[in-house]
PDB file of N, CA and C in Angstrom:
ATOM      1  N   MET A   1      38.865  -7.055 245.999  1.00  0.00           N
ATOM      2  CA  MET A   1      38.047  -8.030 246.667  1.00  0.00           C
ATOM      3  C   MET A   1      37.081  -7.293 247.579  1.00  0.00           C
ATOM      4  N   ALA A   2      35.845  -7.651 247.520  1.00  0.00           N
ATOM      5  CA  ALA A   2      34.817  -6.938 248.267  1.00  0.00           C
ATOM      6  C   ALA A   2      34.926  -7.175 249.771  1.00  0.00           C
ATOM      7  N   ASN A   3      35.158  -8.423 250.180  1.00  0.00           N
ATOM      8  CA  ASN A   3      35.279  -8.715 251.601  1.00  0.00           C
ATOM      9  C   ASN A   3      36.008 -10.032 251.812  1.00  0.00           C
ATOM     10  N   LYS A   4      36.223 -10.360 253.087  1.00  0.00           N
ATOM     11  CA  LYS A   4      36.971 -11.583 253.412  1.00  0.00           C
ATOM     12  C   LYS A   4      36.257 -12.835 252.922  1.00  0.00           C
ATOM     13  N   ARG A   5      34.935 -12.827 253.000  1.00  0.00           N
ATOM     14  CA  ARG A   5      34.180 -13.999 252.565  1.00  0.00           C
ATOM     15  C   ARG A   5      34.425 -14.285 251.085  1.00  0.00           C
ATOM     16  N   ASP A   6      34.402 -13.233 250.269  1.00  0.00           N
ATOM     17  CA  ASP A   6      34.658 -13.411 248.840  1.00  0.00           C
ATOM     18  C   ASP A   6      36.082 -13.868 248.576  1.00  0.00           C
ATOM     19  N   LEU A   7      37.030 -13.335 249.332  1.00  0.00           N
ATOM     20  CA  LEU A   7      38.425 -13.741 249.174  1.00  0.00           C
ATOM     21  C   LEU A   7      38.608 -15.214 249.543  1.00  0.00           C
ATOM     22  N   LYS A   8      37.965 -15.645 250.625  1.00  0.00           N
ATOM     23  CA  LYS A   8      38.037 -17.056 251.026  1.00  0.00           C
ATOM     24  C   LYS A   8      37.413 -17.958 249.964  1.00  0.00           C
ATOM     25  N   LYS A   9      36.297 -17.529 249.388  1.00  0.00           N
ATOM     26  CA  LYS A   9      35.659 -18.311 248.327  1.00  0.00           C
ATOM     27  C   LYS A   9      36.575 -18.427 247.122  1.00  0.00           C
ATOM     28  N   MET A  10      37.243 -17.318 246.772  1.00  0.00           N
ATOM     29  CA  MET A  10      38.152 -17.335 245.634  1.00  0.00           C
ATOM     30  C   MET A  10      39.300 -18.318 245.869  1.00  0.00           C
ATOM     31  N   VAL A  11      39.877 -18.302 247.068  1.00  0.00           N
ATOM     32  CA  VAL A  11      40.960 -19.221 247.398  1.00  0.00           C
ATOM     33  C   VAL A  11      40.466 -20.661 247.309  1.00  0.00           C
ATOM     34  N   ASN A  12      39.308 -20.935 247.879  1.00  0.00           N
ATOM     35  CA  ASN A  12      38.756 -22.293 247.837  1.00  0.00           C
ATOM     36  C   ASN A  12      38.461 -22.748 246.411  1.00  0.00           C
ATOM     37  N   TYR A  13      37.897 -21.878 245.596  1.00  0.00           N
ATOM     38  CA  TYR A  13      37.583 -22.237 244.217  1.00  0.00           C
ATOM     39  C   TYR A  13      38.851 -22.518 243.409  1.00  0.00           C
ATOM     40  N   VAL A  14      39.846 -21.665 243.548  1.00  0.00           N
ATOM     41  CA  VAL A  14      41.087 -21.856 242.797  1.00  0.00           C
ATOM     42  C   VAL A  14      41.742 -23.173 243.192  1.00  0.00           C
ATOM     43  N   CYS A  15      41.852 -23.408 244.479  1.00  0.00           N
ATOM     44  CA  CYS A  15      42.494 -24.642 244.943  1.00  0.00           C
ATOM     45  C   CYS A  15      41.703 -25.880 244.528  1.00  0.00           C
ATOM     46  N   ALA A  16      40.390 -25.817 244.612  1.00  0.00           N
ATOM     47  CA  ALA A  16      39.562 -26.958 244.208  1.00  0.00           C
ATOM     48  C   ALA A  16      39.687 -27.227 242.714  1.00  0.00           C
ATOM     49  N   ASP A  17      39.705 -26.173 241.912  1.00  0.00           N
ATOM     50  CA  ASP A  17      39.835 -26.351 240.463  1.00  0.00           C
ATOM     51  C   ASP A  17      41.182 -26.983 240.100  1.00  0.00           C
ATOM     52  N   ILE A  18      42.243 -26.525 240.730  1.00  0.00           N
ATOM     53  CA  ILE A  18      43.564 -27.073 240.427  1.00  0.00           C
ATOM     54  C   ILE A  18      43.651 -28.533 240.889  1.00  0.00           C
ATOM     55  N   ALA A  19      43.117 -28.825 242.071  1.00  0.00           N
ATOM     56  CA  ALA A  19      43.129 -30.205 242.568  1.00  0.00           C
ATOM     57  C   ALA A  19      42.323 -31.119 241.648  1.00  0.00           C
ATOM     58  N   THR A  20      41.213 -30.622 241.135  1.00  0.00           N
ATOM     59  CA  THR A  20      40.403 -31.403 240.202  1.00  0.00           C
ATOM     60  C   THR A  20      41.179 -31.692 238.923  1.00  0.00           C
ATOM     61  N   GLU A  21      41.881 -30.689 238.411  1.00  0.00           N
ATOM     62  CA  GLU A  21      42.709 -30.892 237.212  1.00  0.00           C
ATOM     63  C   GLU A  21      43.782 -31.948 237.470  1.00  0.00           C
ATOM     64  N   CYS A  22      44.373 -31.933 238.652  1.00  0.00           N
ATOM     65  CA  CYS A  22      45.386 -32.938 238.992  1.00  0.00           C
ATOM     66  C   CYS A  22      44.785 -34.338 239.014  1.00  0.00           C
ATOM     67  N   LEU A  23      43.612 -34.460 239.633  1.00  0.00           N
ATOM     68  CA  LEU A  23      42.956 -35.768 239.699  1.00  0.00           C
ATOM     69  C   LEU A  23      42.569 -36.277 238.315  1.00  0.00           C
ATOM     70  N   ILE A  24      42.047 -35.399 237.492  1.00  0.00           N
ATOM     71  CA  ILE A  24      41.666 -35.791 236.135  1.00  0.00           C
ATOM     72  C   ILE A  24      42.900 -36.215 235.345  1.00  0.00           C
ATOM     73  N   ALA A  25      43.968 -35.439 235.460  1.00  0.00           N
ATOM     74  CA  ALA A  25      45.194 -35.771 234.727  1.00  0.00           C
ATOM     75  C   ALA A  25      45.769 -37.101 235.198  1.00  0.00           C
ATOM     76  N   SER A  26      45.768 -37.331 236.499  1.00  0.00           N
ATOM     77  CA  SER A  26      46.357 -38.583 236.990  1.00  0.00           C
ATOM     78  C   SER A  26      45.518 -39.795 236.601  1.00  0.00           C
ATOM     79  N   GLU A  27      44.215 -39.617 236.390  1.00  0.00           N
ATOM     80  CA  GLU A  27      43.356 -40.733 236.018  1.00  0.00           C
ATOM     81  C   GLU A  27      43.289 -40.970 234.510  1.00  0.00           C
ATOM     82  N   TYR A  28      43.312 -39.897 233.715  1.00  0.00           N
ATOM     83  CA  TYR A  28      43.000 -40.041 232.300  1.00  0.00           C
ATOM     84  C   TYR A  28      44.147 -39.752 231.332  1.00  0.00           C
ATOM     85  N   VAL A  29      45.230 -39.178 231.805  1.00  0.00           N
ATOM     86  CA  VAL A  29      46.361 -38.914 230.916  1.00  0.00           C
ATOM     87  C   VAL A  29      47.378 -40.030 231.106  1.00  0.00           C
ATOM     88  N   LYS A  30      47.663 -40.723 230.014  1.00  0.00           N
ATOM     89  CA  LYS A  30      48.596 -41.850 230.092  1.00  0.00           C
ATOM     90  C   LYS A  30      50.015 -41.330 230.296  1.00  0.00           C
ATOM     91  N   GLY A  31      50.719 -41.971 231.204  1.00  0.00           N
ATOM     92  CA  GLY A  31      52.107 -41.633 231.450  1.00  0.00           C
ATOM     93  C   GLY A  31      52.333 -40.563 232.508  1.00  0.00           C
ATOM     94  N   VAL A  32      51.276 -40.080 233.129  1.00  0.00           N
ATOM     95  CA  VAL A  32      51.423 -39.067 234.178  1.00  0.00           C
ATOM     96  C   VAL A  32      51.955 -39.739 235.429  1.00  0.00           C
ATOM     97  N   ASP A  33      52.883 -39.072 236.084  1.00  0.00           N
ATOM     98  CA  ASP A  33      53.436 -39.572 237.341  1.00  0.00           C
ATOM     99  C   ASP A  33      52.415 -39.300 238.448  1.00  0.00           C
ATOM    100  N   ALA A  34      51.674 -40.320 238.841  1.00  0.00           N
ATOM    101  CA  ALA A  34      50.599 -40.169 239.827  1.00  0.00           C
ATOM    102  C   ALA A  34      51.139 -39.761 241.187  1.00  0.00           C
ATOM    103  N   ALA A  35      52.322 -40.217 241.534  1.00  0.00           N
ATOM    104  CA  ALA A  35      52.912 -39.842 242.824  1.00  0.00           C
ATOM    105  C   ALA A  35      53.200 -38.345 242.872  1.00  0.00           C
ATOM    106  N   LYS A  36      53.686 -37.799 241.755  1.00  0.00           N
ATOM    107  CA  LYS A  36      53.937 -36.351 241.702  1.00  0.00           C
ATOM    108  C   LYS A  36      52.630 -35.571 241.790  1.00  0.00           C
ATOM    109  N   MET A  37      51.596 -36.070 241.136  1.00  0.00           N
ATOM    110  CA  MET A  37      50.301 -35.388 241.203  1.00  0.00           C
ATOM    111  C   MET A  37      49.740 -35.428 242.620  1.00  0.00           C
ATOM    112  N   ASP A  38      49.929 -36.553 243.315  1.00  0.00           N
ATOM    113  CA  ASP A  38      49.485 -36.626 244.710  1.00  0.00           C
ATOM    114  C   ASP A  38      50.250 -35.629 245.579  1.00  0.00           C
ATOM    115  N   ALA A  39      51.536 -35.477 245.302  1.00  0.00           N
ATOM    116  CA  ALA A  39      52.341 -34.503 246.039  1.00  0.00           C
ATOM    117  C   ALA A  39      51.890 -33.074 245.747  1.00  0.00           C
ATOM    118  N   VAL A  40      51.507 -32.835 244.496  1.00  0.00           N
ATOM    119  CA  VAL A  40      51.002 -31.508 244.121  1.00  0.00           C
ATOM    120  C   VAL A  40      49.704 -31.217 244.866  1.00  0.00           C
ATOM    121  N   ILE A  41      48.823 -32.188 244.966  1.00  0.00           N
ATOM    122  CA  ILE A  41      47.555 -31.995 245.669  1.00  0.00           C
ATOM    123  C   ILE A  41      47.811 -31.723 247.147  1.00  0.00           C
ATOM    124  N   ALA A  42      48.752 -32.445 247.745  1.00  0.00           N
ATOM    125  CA  ALA A  42      49.089 -32.203 249.150  1.00  0.00           C
ATOM    126  C   ALA A  42      49.672 -30.800 249.338  1.00  0.00           C
ATOM    127  N   LYS A  43      50.537 -30.389 248.418  1.00  0.00           N
ATOM    128  CA  LYS A  43      51.111 -29.041 248.488  1.00  0.00           C
ATOM    129  C   LYS A  43      50.016 -27.995 248.326  1.00  0.00           C
ATOM    130  N   LEU A  44      49.078 -28.261 247.452  1.00  0.00           N
ATOM    131  CA  LEU A  44      47.962 -27.346 247.225  1.00  0.00           C
ATOM    132  C   LEU A  44      47.103 -27.221 248.484  1.00  0.00           C
ATOM    133  N   ALA A  45      46.885 -28.314 249.178  1.00  0.00           N
ATOM    134  CA  ALA A  45      46.113 -28.260 250.425  1.00  0.00           C
ATOM    135  C   ALA A  45      46.831 -27.407 251.474  1.00  0.00           C
ATOM    136  N   ASP A  46      48.148 -27.523 251.525  1.00  0.00           N
ATOM    137  CA  ASP A  46      48.917 -26.686 252.448  1.00  0.00           C
ATOM    138  C   ASP A  46      48.811 -25.210 252.087  1.00  0.00           C
ATOM    139  N   ILE A  47      48.880 -24.919 250.803  1.00  0.00           N
ATOM    140  CA  ILE A  47      48.760 -23.530 250.335  1.00  0.00           C
ATOM    141  C   ILE A  47      47.384 -22.980 250.693  1.00  0.00           C
ATOM    142  N   GLN A  48      46.353 -23.779 250.481  1.00  0.00           N
ATOM    143  CA  GLN A  48      44.992 -23.343 250.781  1.00  0.00           C
ATOM    144  C   GLN A  48      44.833 -23.065 252.279  1.00  0.00           C
ATOM    145  N   THR A  49      45.324 -23.953 253.106  1.00  0.00           N
ATOM    146  CA  THR A  49      45.217 -23.777 254.551  1.00  0.00           C
ATOM    147  C   THR A  49      45.960 -22.525 255.007  1.00  0.00           C
ATOM    148  N   LEU A  50      47.155 -22.337 254.477  1.00  0.00           N
ATOM    149  CA  LEU A  50      47.942 -21.160 254.840  1.00  0.00           C
ATOM    150  C   LEU A  50      47.269 -19.874 254.380  1.00  0.00           C
ATOM    151  N   ALA A  51      46.764 -19.854 253.158  1.00  0.00           N
ATOM    152  CA  ALA A  51      46.106 -18.650 252.632  1.00  0.00           C
ATOM    153  C   ALA A  51      44.857 -18.316 253.444  1.00  0.00           C
ATOM    154  N   LEU A  52      44.064 -19.318 253.768  1.00  0.00           N
ATOM    155  CA  LEU A  52      42.844 -19.063 254.537  1.00  0.00           C
ATOM    156  C   LEU A  52      43.148 -18.580 255.951  1.00  0.00           C
ATOM    157  N   SER A  53      44.219 -19.092 256.531  1.00  0.00           N
ATOM    158  CA  SER A  53      44.570 -18.640 257.883  1.00  0.00           C
ATOM    159  C   SER A  53      45.160 -17.238 257.882  1.00  0.00           C
ATOM    160  N   ASN A  54      45.748 -16.812 256.769  1.00  0.00           N
ATOM    161  CA  ASN A  54      46.340 -15.478 256.686  1.00  0.00           C
ATOM    162  C   ASN A  54      45.354 -14.401 256.248  1.00  0.00           C
ATOM    163  N   ILE A  55      44.144 -14.769 255.892  1.00  0.00           N
ATOM    164  CA  ILE A  55      43.165 -13.785 255.444  1.00  0.00           C
ATOM    165  C   ILE A  55      42.702 -12.903 256.596  1.00  0.00           C
ATOM    166  N   ALA A  56      42.575 -13.475 257.774  1.00  0.00           N
ATOM    167  CA  ALA A  56      42.096 -12.705 258.922  1.00  0.00           C
ATOM    168  C   ALA A  56      43.273 -12.003 259.607  1.00  0.00           C
ATOM    169  N   PHE A  57      43.264 -10.682 259.558  1.00  0.00           N
ATOM    170  CA  PHE A  57      44.267  -9.878 260.260  1.00  0.00           C
ATOM    171  C   PHE A  57      43.623  -8.562 260.645  1.00  0.00           C
ATOM    172  N   SER A  58      44.273  -7.821 261.518  1.00  0.00           N
ATOM    173  CA  SER A  58      43.658  -6.585 261.987  1.00  0.00           C
ATOM    174  C   SER A  58      44.651  -5.432 261.938  1.00  0.00           C
ATOM    175  N   PHE A  59      44.109  -4.247 261.882  1.00  0.00           N
ATOM    176  CA  PHE A  59      44.885  -3.015 261.871  1.00  0.00           C
ATOM    177  C   PHE A  59      45.426  -2.803 263.280  1.00  0.00           C
ATOM    178  N   ASP A  60      46.712  -2.516 263.392  1.00  0.00           N
ATOM    179  CA  ASP A  60      47.357  -2.474 264.703  1.00  0.00           C
ATOM    180  C   ASP A  60      47.349  -1.100 265.377  1.00  0.00           C
ATOM    181  N   ALA A  61      46.654  -0.129 264.834  1.00  0.00           N
ATOM    182  CA  ALA A  61      46.567   1.204 265.445  1.00  0.00           C
ATOM    183  C   ALA A  61      45.135   1.453 265.918  1.00  0.00           C
ATOM    184  N   VAL A  62      44.975   2.452 266.779  1.00  0.00           N
ATOM    185  CA  VAL A  62      43.656   2.820 267.283  1.00  0.00           C
ATOM    186  C   VAL A  62      43.360   4.265 266.902  1.00  0.00           C
ATOM    187  N   ARG A  63      42.106   4.662 266.996  1.00  0.00           N
ATOM    188  CA  ARG A  63      41.710   6.016 266.604  1.00  0.00           C
ATOM    189  C   ARG A  63      42.467   7.096 267.368  1.00  0.00           C
ATOM    190  N   SER A  64      42.760   6.840 268.617  1.00  0.00           N
ATOM    191  CA  SER A  64      43.434   7.869 269.417  1.00  0.00           C
ATOM    192  C   SER A  64      44.867   8.135 268.954  1.00  0.00           C
ATOM    193  N   ASP A  65      45.424   7.266 268.125  1.00  0.00           N
ATOM    194  CA  ASP A  65      46.768   7.483 267.584  1.00  0.00           C
ATOM    195  C   ASP A  65      46.776   8.537 266.473  1.00  0.00           C
ATOM    196  N   PHE A  66      45.609   8.937 265.990  1.00  0.00           N
ATOM    197  CA  PHE A  66      45.507   9.849 264.858  1.00  0.00           C
ATOM    198  C   PHE A  66      44.826  11.150 265.273  1.00  0.00           C
ATOM    199  N   ALA A  67      45.081  12.196 264.522  1.00  0.00           N
ATOM    200  CA  ALA A  67      44.543  13.520 264.837  1.00  0.00           C
ATOM    201  C   ALA A  67      43.024  13.574 264.671  1.00  0.00           C
ATOM    202  N   ASN A  68      42.511  12.859 263.660  1.00  0.00           N
ATOM    203  CA  ASN A  68      41.065  12.867 263.439  1.00  0.00           C
ATOM    204  C   ASN A  68      40.642  11.542 262.809  1.00  0.00           C
ATOM    205  N   PRO A  69      39.349  11.269 262.816  1.00  0.00           N
ATOM    206  CA  PRO A  69      38.863   9.995 262.255  1.00  0.00           C
ATOM    207  C   PRO A  69      39.183   9.816 260.775  1.00  0.00           C
ATOM    208  N   LYS A  70      39.248  10.902 260.038  1.00  0.00           N
ATOM    209  CA  LYS A  70      39.535  10.800 258.606  1.00  0.00           C
ATOM    210  C   LYS A  70      40.938  10.230 258.380  1.00  0.00           C
ATOM    211  N   ASP A  71      41.921  10.702 259.138  1.00  0.00           N
ATOM    212  CA  ASP A  71      43.285  10.185 259.016  1.00  0.00           C
ATOM    213  C   ASP A  71      43.352   8.706 259.414  1.00  0.00           C
ATOM    214  N   TYR A  72      42.612   8.338 260.471  1.00  0.00           N
ATOM    215  CA  TYR A  72      42.562   6.947 260.906  1.00  0.00           C
ATOM    216  C   TYR A  72      41.991   6.059 259.807  1.00  0.00           C
ATOM    217  N   ASN A  73      40.867   6.473 259.237  1.00  0.00           N
ATOM    218  CA  ASN A  73      40.229   5.674 258.180  1.00  0.00           C
ATOM    219  C   ASN A  73      41.126   5.556 256.956  1.00  0.00           C
ATOM    220  N   LYS A  74      41.816   6.625 256.619  1.00  0.00           N
ATOM    221  CA  LYS A  74      42.722   6.606 255.466  1.00  0.00           C
ATOM    222  C   LYS A  74      43.882   5.639 255.712  1.00  0.00           C
ATOM    223  N   ALA A  75      44.474   5.703 256.903  1.00  0.00           N
ATOM    224  CA  ALA A  75      45.582   4.807 257.241  1.00  0.00           C
ATOM    225  C   ALA A  75      45.118   3.356 257.303  1.00  0.00           C
ATOM    226  N   LYS A  76      43.934   3.137 257.848  1.00  0.00           N
ATOM    227  CA  LYS A  76      43.386   1.780 257.943  1.00  0.00           C
ATOM    228  C   LYS A  76      43.128   1.208 256.553  1.00  0.00           C
ATOM    229  N   SER A  77      42.546   2.008 255.676  1.00  0.00           N
ATOM    230  CA  SER A  77      42.282   1.546 254.310  1.00  0.00           C
ATOM    231  C   SER A  77      43.571   1.223 253.575  1.00  0.00           C
ATOM    232  N   ALA A  78      44.570   2.071 253.742  1.00  0.00           N
ATOM    233  CA  ALA A  78      45.863   1.831 253.088  1.00  0.00           C
ATOM    234  C   ALA A  78      46.509   0.554 253.625  1.00  0.00           C
ATOM    235  N   TYR A  79      46.405   0.334 254.922  1.00  0.00           N
ATOM    236  CA  TYR A  79      46.977  -0.866 255.541  1.00  0.00           C
ATOM    237  C   TYR A  79      46.321  -2.126 254.972  1.00  0.00           C
ATOM    238  N   PHE A  80      44.995  -2.155 254.949  1.00  0.00           N
ATOM    239  CA  PHE A  80      44.298  -3.333 254.447  1.00  0.00           C
ATOM    240  C   PHE A  80      44.545  -3.541 252.958  1.00  0.00           C
ATOM    241  N   HIS A  81      44.646  -2.463 252.203  1.00  0.00           N
ATOM    242  CA  HIS A  81      44.936  -2.583 250.778  1.00  0.00           C
ATOM    243  C   HIS A  81      46.305  -3.243 250.570  1.00  0.00           C
ATOM    244  N   ARG A  82      47.314  -2.774 251.278  1.00  0.00           N
ATOM    245  CA  ARG A  82      48.659  -3.371 251.159  1.00  0.00           C
ATOM    246  C   ARG A  82      48.664  -4.823 251.622  1.00  0.00           C
ATOM    247  N   ALA A  83      47.963  -5.085 252.703  1.00  0.00           N
ATOM    248  CA  ALA A  83      47.936  -6.446 253.247  1.00  0.00           C
ATOM    249  C   ALA A  83      47.275  -7.418 252.271  1.00  0.00           C
ATOM    250  N   TYR A  84      46.142  -7.040 251.711  1.00  0.00           N
ATOM    251  CA  TYR A  84      45.459  -7.920 250.767  1.00  0.00           C
ATOM    252  C   TYR A  84      46.242  -8.075 249.469  1.00  0.00           C
ATOM    253  N   GLN A  85      46.893  -7.007 249.018  1.00  0.00           N
ATOM    254  CA  GLN A  85      47.731  -7.116 247.821  1.00  0.00           C
ATOM    255  C   GLN A  85      48.872  -8.087 248.061  1.00  0.00           C
ATOM    256  N   SER A  86      49.484  -8.009 249.231  1.00  0.00           N
ATOM    257  CA  SER A  86      50.573  -8.918 249.572  1.00  0.00           C
ATOM    258  C   SER A  86      50.079 -10.359 249.648  1.00  0.00           C
ATOM    259  N   LEU A  87      48.927 -10.562 250.270  1.00  0.00           N
ATOM    260  CA  LEU A  87      48.344 -11.901 250.373  1.00  0.00           C
ATOM    261  C   LEU A  87      48.058 -12.476 248.996  1.00  0.00           C
ATOM    262  N   LYS A  88      47.455 -11.680 248.128  1.00  0.00           N
ATOM    263  CA  LYS A  88      47.140 -12.154 246.781  1.00  0.00           C
ATOM    264  C   LYS A  88      48.403 -12.448 245.976  1.00  0.00           C
ATOM    265  N   GLN A  89      49.416 -11.608 246.122  1.00  0.00           N
ATOM    266  CA  GLN A  89      50.668 -11.827 245.399  1.00  0.00           C
ATOM    267  C   GLN A  89      51.328 -13.136 245.843  1.00  0.00           C
ATOM    268  N   LYS A  90      51.400 -13.358 247.144  1.00  0.00           N
ATOM    269  CA  LYS A  90      52.001 -14.600 247.653  1.00  0.00           C
ATOM    270  C   LYS A  90      51.200 -15.816 247.211  1.00  0.00           C
ATOM    271  N   PHE A  91      49.872 -15.703 247.231  1.00  0.00           N
ATOM    272  CA  PHE A  91      49.018 -16.812 246.797  1.00  0.00           C
ATOM    273  C   PHE A  91      49.250 -17.126 245.325  1.00  0.00           C
ATOM    274  N   HIS A  92      49.325 -16.098 244.494  1.00  0.00           N
ATOM    275  CA  HIS A  92      49.555 -16.309 243.057  1.00  0.00           C
ATOM    276  C   HIS A  92      50.931 -16.933 242.811  1.00  0.00           C
ATOM    277  N   GLU A  93      51.937 -16.532 243.560  1.00  0.00           N
ATOM    278  CA  GLU A  93      53.268 -17.128 243.409  1.00  0.00           C
ATOM    279  C   GLU A  93      53.233 -18.608 243.749  1.00  0.00           C
ATOM    280  N   LYS A  94      52.548 -18.957 244.837  1.00  0.00           N
ATOM    281  CA  LYS A  94      52.450 -20.365 245.242  1.00  0.00           C
ATOM    282  C   LYS A  94      51.657 -21.178 244.218  1.00  0.00           C
ATOM    283  N   VAL A  95      50.598 -20.594 243.679  1.00  0.00           N
ATOM    284  CA  VAL A  95      49.803 -21.293 242.661  1.00  0.00           C
ATOM    285  C   VAL A  95      50.641 -21.523 241.408  1.00  0.00           C
ATOM    286  N   ASN A  96      51.445 -20.547 241.022  1.00  0.00           N
ATOM    287  CA  ASN A  96      52.322 -20.721 239.866  1.00  0.00           C
ATOM    288  C   ASN A  96      53.336 -21.833 240.100  1.00  0.00           C
ATOM    289  N   GLU A  97      53.841 -21.965 241.332  1.00  0.00           N
ATOM    290  CA  GLU A  97      54.745 -23.072 241.656  1.00  0.00           C
ATOM    291  C   GLU A  97      54.027 -24.406 241.498  1.00  0.00           C
ATOM    292  N   VAL A  98      52.788 -24.477 241.939  1.00  0.00           N
ATOM    293  CA  VAL A  98      52.009 -25.709 241.825  1.00  0.00           C
ATOM    294  C   VAL A  98      51.784 -26.061 240.359  1.00  0.00           C
ATOM    295  N   VAL A  99      51.490 -25.070 239.543  1.00  0.00           N
ATOM    296  CA  VAL A  99      51.274 -25.321 238.106  1.00  0.00           C
ATOM    297  C   VAL A  99      52.554 -25.849 237.467  1.00  0.00           C
ATOM    298  N   LYS A 100      53.691 -25.294 237.851  1.00  0.00           N
ATOM    299  CA  LYS A 100      54.965 -25.800 237.327  1.00  0.00           C
ATOM    300  C   LYS A 100      55.185 -27.244 237.757  1.00  0.00           C
ATOM    301  N   ASP A 101      54.848 -27.566 239.008  1.00  0.00           N
ATOM    302  CA  ASP A 101      54.971 -28.946 239.480  1.00  0.00           C
ATOM    303  C   ASP A 101      54.039 -29.877 238.713  1.00  0.00           C
ATOM    304  N   MET A 102      52.834 -29.391 238.402  1.00  0.00           N
ATOM    305  CA  MET A 102      51.894 -30.188 237.616  1.00  0.00           C
ATOM    306  C   MET A 102      52.472 -30.476 236.229  1.00  0.00           C
ATOM    307  N   ASN A 103      53.052 -29.460 235.614  1.00  0.00           N
ATOM    308  CA  ASN A 103      53.626 -29.639 234.282  1.00  0.00           C
ATOM    309  C   ASN A 103      54.805 -30.603 234.299  1.00  0.00           C
ATOM    310  N   GLN A 104      55.554 -30.635 235.387  1.00  0.00           N
ATOM    311  CA  GLN A 104      56.672 -31.579 235.474  1.00  0.00           C
ATOM    312  C   GLN A 104      56.199 -33.017 235.579  1.00  0.00           C
ATOM    313  N   ALA A 105      55.003 -33.214 236.068  1.00  0.00           N
ATOM    314  CA  ALA A 105      54.468 -34.566 236.203  1.00  0.00           C
ATOM    315  C   ALA A 105      53.931 -35.116 234.879  1.00  0.00           C
ATOM    316  N   LEU A 106      53.741 -34.246 233.901  1.00  0.00           N
ATOM    317  CA  LEU A 106      53.223 -34.685 232.600  1.00  0.00           C
ATOM    318  C   LEU A 106      54.326 -35.322 231.763  1.00  0.00           C
ATOM    319  N   PRO A 107      53.988 -36.316 230.950  1.00  0.00           N
ATOM    320  CA  PRO A 107      54.975 -36.889 230.033  1.00  0.00           C
ATOM    321  C   PRO A 107      55.310 -35.892 228.915  1.00  0.00           C
ATOM    322  N   GLU A 108      56.461 -36.061 228.313  1.00  0.00           N
ATOM    323  CA  GLU A 108      56.963 -35.116 227.300  1.00  0.00           C
ATOM    324  C   GLU A 108      56.032 -34.995 226.097  1.00  0.00           C
ATOM    325  N   GLU A 109      55.442 -36.106 225.650  1.00  0.00           N
ATOM    326  CA  GLU A 109      54.572 -36.027 224.471  1.00  0.00           C
ATOM    327  C   GLU A 109      53.311 -35.205 224.760  1.00  0.00           C
ATOM    328  N   VAL A 110      52.810 -35.256 225.977  1.00  0.00           N
ATOM    329  CA  VAL A 110      51.645 -34.449 226.344  1.00  0.00           C
ATOM    330  C   VAL A 110      52.035 -32.976 226.416  1.00  0.00           C
ATOM    331  N   LYS A 111      53.208 -32.697 226.964  1.00  0.00           N
ATOM    332  CA  LYS A 111      53.702 -31.310 227.024  1.00  0.00           C
ATOM    333  C   LYS A 111      53.839 -30.738 225.615  1.00  0.00           C
ATOM    334  N   ALA A 112      54.417 -31.531 224.713  1.00  0.00           N
ATOM    335  CA  ALA A 112      54.596 -31.063 223.325  1.00  0.00           C
ATOM    336  C   ALA A 112      53.253 -30.810 222.654  1.00  0.00           C
ATOM    337  N   ALA A 113      52.282 -31.682 222.897  1.00  0.00           N
ATOM    338  CA  ALA A 113      50.955 -31.491 222.310  1.00  0.00           C
ATOM    339  C   ALA A 113      50.287 -30.245 222.877  1.00  0.00           C
ATOM    340  N   ASN A 114      50.464 -30.004 224.177  1.00  0.00           N
ATOM    341  CA  ASN A 114      49.867 -28.811 224.798  1.00  0.00           C
ATOM    342  C   ASN A 114      50.489 -27.539 224.237  1.00  0.00           C
ATOM    343  N   ILE A 115      51.801 -27.541 224.046  1.00  0.00           N
ATOM    344  CA  ILE A 115      52.486 -26.365 223.494  1.00  0.00           C
ATOM    345  C   ILE A 115      52.033 -26.126 222.061  1.00  0.00           C
ATOM    346  N   LYS A 116      51.921 -27.209 221.275  1.00  0.00           N
ATOM    347  CA  LYS A 116      51.481 -27.083 219.887  1.00  0.00           C
ATOM    348  C   LYS A 116      50.065 -26.513 219.819  1.00  0.00           C
ATOM    349  N   GLU A 117      49.195 -26.991 220.675  1.00  0.00           N
ATOM    350  CA  GLU A 117      47.810 -26.513 220.693  1.00  0.00           C
ATOM    351  C   GLU A 117      47.726 -25.054 221.159  1.00  0.00           C
ATOM    352  N   ALA A 118      48.548 -24.684 222.119  1.00  0.00           N
ATOM    353  CA  ALA A 118      48.546 -23.301 222.631  1.00  0.00           C
ATOM    354  C   ALA A 118      49.043 -22.323 221.583  1.00  0.00           C
ATOM    355  N   ASN A 119      50.000 -22.746 220.756  1.00  0.00           N
ATOM    356  CA  ASN A 119      50.555 -21.869 219.726  1.00  0.00           C
ATOM    357  C   ASN A 119      49.717 -21.799 218.465  1.00  0.00           C
ATOM    358  N   ALA A 120      48.757 -22.714 218.335  1.00  0.00           N
ATOM    359  CA  ALA A 120      47.926 -22.753 217.120  1.00  0.00           C
ATOM    360  C   ALA A 120      46.891 -21.672 217.105  1.00  0.00           C
TER     361      ALA A 120
END
């Protein structure tokens, strides 16, 4: 990810796309449990809020803690790399949970048709 702004945009786009899919499914797919889809959208909003609030963090060391600026920059880069990887991993896990919840709200005949189409 190039910067925090791009990461925030990615989180917003993913959450908006999934919420749109939920709304479309609840309106146009017969037999979908609309209450479950509403719960999925609410859970998705919580995930989005949490992810956006966790994007902003700072390195907890200062330059004087290191022998030279090169070591400081290396440690800072490694810290941010680990932090962003952890944030992305947690976000992907939560999104996968939401997708599973979405699939549970679908009727069995729609699930079977989706599996058949995916395997074709």
